[in-house]
Structure formats: C-alpha cells, structure tokens
Amino acid sequence: MRLTGVRTGRHARHGTSPPYVGARFPKDEDGNRRNVADDEDAARYRTATEDLFEQLDWCIGYLNGIRKSEITKVLAKNRSYIRSEILNQPEEPVPSQATSE
C-alpha cells in the first residue's frame, strides 16, 4: 500500500524537492517562486490587447476615410481612455488624429 502525499525516498530524507516540483514554479530574481502559467496567461492577454488596438486603429482609419468623423471621434476617445486609464499606458496618435478634418 502506497500513501499519497507522503514523501519517501532520498528527497524526504534530505529535505529536498524532487526535480519536477520546481519546474512549473521557478524562482525569480528575488528567490520567490512564481507560476509559469500566470506568465503565459499575461503574455497571451498582452498579445490579445495589442491585436485589439491594431483592429481598432484600422476601424478608426477606415471610418475616417469614408468620412464618418463623428463615429471616429467617439472611437478615438474610447481608445484613448482604455489605453491611459485602464492599461496605464501613454496615449498614441490614432489615424484620425494624423489627418486634418
């Protein structure tokens, strides 16, 4: 009968962890363990956010090109708010700000 959750063998005798335990939770520069899955999730969300801004910029540019300036202004204002207030990133010019209308 084998007990689960009970450490046996050389790792239990020496007070060390088996090699697979630290693989998912490597130590950072401060010696604290961090979850690799959280880093991967953050990278995925960052990529999705960048894609969102690219698509929104395209839409703003397109709508500006077909002279839908009222919609363009609202979208540009929303984009600016999301970027500065929610993501805490500096504002960037959007296609509608680059053209004079």
N, C-alpha and C. Protein backbone atom coordinates (compact mmCIF):
# COMPACT_ATOMS: atom_id res chain seq x y z
N MET A 1 0.84 -1.18 0.00
CA MET A 1 0.00 0.00 0.00
C MET A 1 0.89 1.24 0.00
N ARG A 2 0.62 2.14 -0.94
CA ARG A 2 1.42 3.35 -1.05
C ARG A 2 0.59 4.54 -0.58
N LEU A 3 1.15 5.37 0.26
CA LEU A 3 0.46 6.54 0.75
C LEU A 3 0.68 7.70 -0.22
N THR A 4 -0.37 8.35 -0.59
CA THR A 4 -0.22 9.51 -1.47
C THR A 4 0.02 10.75 -0.63
N GLY A 5 0.83 11.63 -1.13
CA GLY A 5 1.11 12.86 -0.41
C GLY A 5 2.21 12.72 0.62
N VAL A 6 2.71 11.53 0.83
CA VAL A 6 3.78 11.32 1.79
C VAL A 6 5.07 11.17 1.00
N ARG A 7 6.06 11.99 1.33
CA ARG A 7 7.32 11.93 0.62
C ARG A 7 8.19 10.83 1.20
N THR A 8 8.64 9.99 0.31
CA THR A 8 9.54 8.92 0.72
C THR A 8 10.78 8.98 -0.16
N GLY A 9 11.76 8.24 0.16
CA GLY A 9 12.96 8.18 -0.66
C GLY A 9 13.97 9.25 -0.27
N ARG A 10 14.95 9.44 -1.14
CA ARG A 10 16.06 10.33 -0.79
C ARG A 10 15.64 11.78 -0.62
N HIS A 11 14.59 12.22 -1.34
CA HIS A 11 14.16 13.61 -1.20
C HIS A 11 13.57 13.87 0.18
N ALA A 12 12.85 12.91 0.72
CA ALA A 12 12.28 13.07 2.05
C ALA A 12 13.39 13.05 3.11
N ARG A 13 14.38 12.19 2.91
CA ARG A 13 15.47 12.09 3.88
C ARG A 13 16.35 13.34 3.90
N HIS A 14 16.53 13.96 2.74
CA HIS A 14 17.43 15.11 2.65
C HIS A 14 16.71 16.45 2.70
N GLY A 15 15.40 16.42 2.74
CA GLY A 15 14.62 17.66 2.81
C GLY A 15 14.64 18.46 1.52
N THR A 16 14.88 17.81 0.40
CA THR A 16 14.88 18.50 -0.89
C THR A 16 13.62 18.14 -1.65
N SER A 17 13.37 18.88 -2.70
CA SER A 17 12.21 18.61 -3.54
C SER A 17 12.64 17.81 -4.76
N PRO A 18 11.78 16.94 -5.25
CA PRO A 18 12.10 16.26 -6.50
C PRO A 18 12.22 17.28 -7.62
N PRO A 19 12.95 16.96 -8.67
CA PRO A 19 13.21 17.95 -9.72
C PRO A 19 11.97 18.50 -10.41
N TYR A 20 10.89 17.75 -10.50
CA TYR A 20 9.71 18.22 -11.23
C TYR A 20 8.91 19.24 -10.45
N VAL A 21 9.09 19.35 -9.16
CA VAL A 21 8.28 20.26 -8.35
C VAL A 21 8.56 21.71 -8.71
N GLY A 22 9.80 22.09 -8.90
CA GLY A 22 10.15 23.47 -9.19
C GLY A 22 10.04 23.83 -10.65
N ALA A 23 9.76 22.88 -11.53
CA ALA A 23 9.72 23.16 -12.96
C ALA A 23 8.60 24.13 -13.31
N ARG A 24 7.44 23.99 -12.71
CA ARG A 24 6.32 24.88 -13.02
C ARG A 24 6.38 26.16 -12.21
N PHE A 25 7.10 26.17 -11.11
CA PHE A 25 7.21 27.33 -10.24
C PHE A 25 8.67 27.70 -10.04
N PRO A 26 9.35 28.19 -11.09
CA PRO A 26 10.76 28.55 -10.92
C PRO A 26 10.90 29.79 -10.04
N LYS A 27 12.08 29.99 -9.51
CA LYS A 27 12.32 31.14 -8.64
C LYS A 27 12.69 32.35 -9.51
N ASP A 28 12.20 33.51 -9.07
CA ASP A 28 12.57 34.73 -9.77
C ASP A 28 13.85 35.29 -9.17
N GLU A 29 14.24 36.51 -9.55
CA GLU A 29 15.50 37.07 -9.08
C GLU A 29 15.51 37.35 -7.59
N ASP A 30 14.35 37.47 -6.96
CA ASP A 30 14.28 37.68 -5.52
C ASP A 30 14.23 36.37 -4.74
N GLY A 31 14.22 35.25 -5.43
CA GLY A 31 14.17 33.95 -4.77
C GLY A 31 12.76 33.49 -4.49
N ASN A 32 11.76 34.23 -4.94
CA ASN A 32 10.36 33.83 -4.74
C ASN A 32 9.91 32.96 -5.89
N ARG A 33 9.04 32.04 -5.59
CA ARG A 33 8.51 31.17 -6.63
C ARG A 33 7.40 31.91 -7.38
N ARG A 34 7.34 31.70 -8.68
CA ARG A 34 6.29 32.29 -9.49
C ARG A 34 5.70 31.21 -10.39
N ASN A 35 4.48 31.40 -10.78
CA ASN A 35 3.78 30.42 -11.59
C ASN A 35 4.01 30.73 -13.07
N VAL A 36 4.58 29.79 -13.79
CA VAL A 36 4.84 29.97 -15.22
C VAL A 36 3.54 30.13 -15.98
N ALA A 37 2.50 29.46 -15.57
CA ALA A 37 1.20 29.57 -16.25
C ALA A 37 0.68 31.00 -16.19
N ASP A 38 0.90 31.68 -15.06
CA ASP A 38 0.46 33.08 -14.95
C ASP A 38 1.21 33.95 -15.95
N ASP A 39 2.51 33.71 -16.12
CA ASP A 39 3.30 34.46 -17.10
C ASP A 39 2.80 34.21 -18.51
N GLU A 40 2.46 32.97 -18.80
CA GLU A 40 1.95 32.63 -20.13
C GLU A 40 0.59 33.28 -20.37
N ASP A 41 -0.26 33.30 -19.35
CA ASP A 41 -1.56 33.96 -19.47
C ASP A 41 -1.38 35.45 -19.70
N ALA A 42 -0.48 36.06 -18.97
CA ALA A 42 -0.24 37.50 -19.12
C ALA A 42 0.26 37.81 -20.53
N ALA A 43 1.14 36.97 -21.06
CA ALA A 43 1.64 37.18 -22.42
C ALA A 43 0.51 37.03 -23.44
N ARG A 44 -0.36 36.07 -23.23
CA ARG A 44 -1.49 35.87 -24.13
C ARG A 44 -2.44 37.07 -24.10
N TYR A 45 -2.73 37.58 -22.91
CA TYR A 45 -3.60 38.75 -22.79
C TYR A 45 -2.95 39.98 -23.40
N ARG A 46 -1.64 40.13 -23.22
CA ARG A 46 -0.92 41.25 -23.81
C ARG A 46 -1.01 41.22 -25.33
N THR A 47 -0.82 40.04 -25.91
CA THR A 47 -0.91 39.88 -27.35
C THR A 47 -2.33 40.19 -27.83
N ALA A 48 -3.32 39.72 -27.11
CA ALA A 48 -4.72 39.99 -27.48
C ALA A 48 -5.02 41.48 -27.42
N THR A 49 -4.47 42.17 -26.42
CA THR A 49 -4.68 43.60 -26.30
C THR A 49 -4.04 44.35 -27.46
N GLU A 50 -2.83 43.95 -27.83
CA GLU A 50 -2.16 44.58 -28.97
C GLU A 50 -2.95 44.35 -30.25
N ASP A 51 -3.47 43.14 -30.42
CA ASP A 51 -4.30 42.85 -31.60
C ASP A 51 -5.57 43.70 -31.60
N LEU A 52 -6.17 43.86 -30.44
CA LEU A 52 -7.37 44.68 -30.33
C LEU A 52 -7.09 46.11 -30.76
N PHE A 53 -5.99 46.68 -30.30
CA PHE A 53 -5.67 48.06 -30.67
C PHE A 53 -5.37 48.18 -32.17
N GLU A 54 -4.73 47.17 -32.76
CA GLU A 54 -4.48 47.20 -34.21
C GLU A 54 -5.81 47.20 -34.98
N GLN A 55 -6.74 46.36 -34.56
CA GLN A 55 -8.04 46.29 -35.23
C GLN A 55 -8.83 47.59 -35.04
N LEU A 56 -8.77 48.13 -33.83
CA LEU A 56 -9.47 49.38 -33.55
C LEU A 56 -8.87 50.52 -34.37
N ASP A 57 -7.55 50.56 -34.47
CA ASP A 57 -6.90 51.58 -35.30
C ASP A 57 -7.33 51.46 -36.75
N TRP A 58 -7.42 50.23 -37.25
CA TRP A 58 -7.85 50.03 -38.62
C TRP A 58 -9.28 50.56 -38.81
N CYS A 59 -10.15 50.21 -37.87
CA CYS A 59 -11.54 50.67 -37.96
C CYS A 59 -11.62 52.19 -37.94
N ILE A 60 -10.86 52.81 -37.05
CA ILE A 60 -10.87 54.27 -36.97
C ILE A 60 -10.39 54.87 -38.28
N GLY A 61 -9.32 54.32 -38.83
CA GLY A 61 -8.79 54.82 -40.10
C GLY A 61 -9.78 54.64 -41.24
N TYR A 62 -10.42 53.48 -41.27
CA TYR A 62 -11.40 53.20 -42.31
C TYR A 62 -12.59 54.17 -42.22
N LEU A 63 -13.13 54.30 -41.02
CA LEU A 63 -14.28 55.18 -40.83
C LEU A 63 -13.91 56.64 -41.13
N ASN A 64 -12.71 57.01 -40.79
CA ASN A 64 -12.25 58.36 -41.11
C ASN A 64 -12.16 58.53 -42.63
N GLY A 65 -11.70 57.49 -43.31
CA GLY A 65 -11.56 57.54 -44.76
C GLY A 65 -12.88 57.66 -45.49
N ILE A 66 -13.95 57.12 -44.91
CA ILE A 66 -15.26 57.22 -45.56
C ILE A 66 -16.10 58.35 -44.95
N ARG A 67 -15.39 59.25 -44.28
CA ARG A 67 -16.00 60.49 -43.77
C ARG A 67 -17.05 60.27 -42.67
N LYS A 68 -16.82 59.30 -41.82
CA LYS A 68 -17.70 59.08 -40.66
C LYS A 68 -17.01 59.67 -39.42
N SER A 69 -16.82 60.97 -39.44
CA SER A 69 -15.99 61.62 -38.44
C SER A 69 -16.57 61.57 -37.02
N GLU A 70 -17.87 61.59 -36.87
CA GLU A 70 -18.47 61.53 -35.52
C GLU A 70 -18.16 60.19 -34.85
N ILE A 71 -18.33 59.10 -35.60
CA ILE A 71 -18.03 57.77 -35.05
C ILE A 71 -16.54 57.66 -34.76
N THR A 72 -15.72 58.20 -35.66
CA THR A 72 -14.27 58.16 -35.49
C THR A 72 -13.84 58.87 -34.21
N LYS A 73 -14.44 60.02 -33.94
CA LYS A 73 -14.09 60.77 -32.73
C LYS A 73 -14.43 59.99 -31.47
N VAL A 74 -15.59 59.35 -31.46
CA VAL A 74 -16.02 58.58 -30.29
C VAL A 74 -15.10 57.38 -30.08
N LEU A 75 -14.80 56.66 -31.16
CA LEU A 75 -13.91 55.51 -31.04
C LEU A 75 -12.50 55.92 -30.59
N ALA A 76 -12.01 57.02 -31.13
CA ALA A 76 -10.68 57.51 -30.74
C ALA A 76 -10.66 57.91 -29.26
N LYS A 77 -11.74 58.52 -28.81
CA LYS A 77 -11.83 58.91 -27.40
C LYS A 77 -11.86 57.66 -26.51
N ASN A 78 -12.65 56.66 -26.89
CA ASN A 78 -12.71 55.41 -26.13
C ASN A 78 -11.36 54.71 -26.12
N ARG A 79 -10.70 54.69 -27.27
CA ARG A 79 -9.38 54.06 -27.37
C ARG A 79 -8.38 54.74 -26.43
N SER A 80 -8.41 56.06 -26.44
CA SER A 80 -7.52 56.83 -25.58
C SER A 80 -7.79 56.55 -24.10
N TYR A 81 -9.06 56.48 -23.73
CA TYR A 81 -9.42 56.20 -22.34
C TYR A 81 -8.95 54.82 -21.92
N ILE A 82 -9.20 53.82 -22.74
CA ILE A 82 -8.77 52.44 -22.42
C ILE A 82 -7.26 52.39 -22.23
N ARG A 83 -6.56 53.01 -23.15
CA ARG A 83 -5.10 52.96 -23.11
C ARG A 83 -4.53 53.67 -21.89
N SER A 84 -5.03 54.86 -21.58
CA SER A 84 -4.45 55.65 -20.49
C SER A 84 -4.98 55.26 -19.11
N GLU A 85 -6.28 55.06 -19.00
CA GLU A 85 -6.88 54.83 -17.68
C GLU A 85 -6.90 53.37 -17.25
N ILE A 86 -7.13 52.47 -18.17
CA ILE A 86 -7.26 51.06 -17.80
C ILE A 86 -5.92 50.35 -17.90
N LEU A 87 -5.19 50.59 -18.98
CA LEU A 87 -3.91 49.91 -19.18
C LEU A 87 -2.72 50.70 -18.63
N ASN A 88 -2.95 51.93 -18.22
CA ASN A 88 -1.88 52.79 -17.70
C ASN A 88 -0.71 52.92 -18.67
N GLN A 89 -1.03 53.11 -19.94
CA GLN A 89 -0.01 53.30 -20.97
C GLN A 89 -0.19 54.69 -21.56
N PRO A 90 0.90 55.27 -22.07
CA PRO A 90 0.76 56.60 -22.68
C PRO A 90 -0.09 56.54 -23.94
N GLU A 91 -0.75 57.64 -24.22
CA GLU A 91 -1.60 57.71 -25.41
C GLU A 91 -0.73 57.71 -26.66
N GLU A 92 -1.28 57.16 -27.73
CA GLU A 92 -0.63 57.17 -29.04
C GLU A 92 -1.58 57.82 -30.03
N PRO A 93 -1.03 58.50 -31.05
CA PRO A 93 -1.92 59.07 -32.05
C PRO A 93 -2.64 57.98 -32.84
N VAL A 94 -3.88 58.22 -33.17
CA VAL A 94 -4.65 57.29 -33.99
C VAL A 94 -4.77 57.85 -35.39
N PRO A 95 -5.16 57.05 -36.37
CA PRO A 95 -5.24 57.55 -37.74
C PRO A 95 -6.06 58.81 -37.90
N SER A 96 -7.13 58.99 -37.13
CA SER A 96 -7.96 60.18 -37.29
C SER A 96 -7.24 61.43 -36.79
N GLN A 97 -6.31 61.28 -35.86
CA GLN A 97 -5.56 62.41 -35.35
C GLN A 97 -4.45 62.82 -36.33
N ALA A 98 -4.05 61.90 -37.19
CA ALA A 98 -2.97 62.18 -38.13
C ALA A 98 -3.47 62.97 -39.33
N THR A 99 -4.75 62.88 -39.63
CA THR A 99 -5.30 63.60 -40.77
C THR A 99 -6.03 64.84 -40.30
N SER A 100 -6.13 65.80 -41.16
CA SER A 100 -6.85 67.01 -40.79
C SER A 100 -8.26 66.98 -41.38
N GLU A 101 -9.22 67.01 -40.51
CA GLU A 101 -10.62 67.02 -40.97
C GLU A 101 -11.44 67.86 -40.05
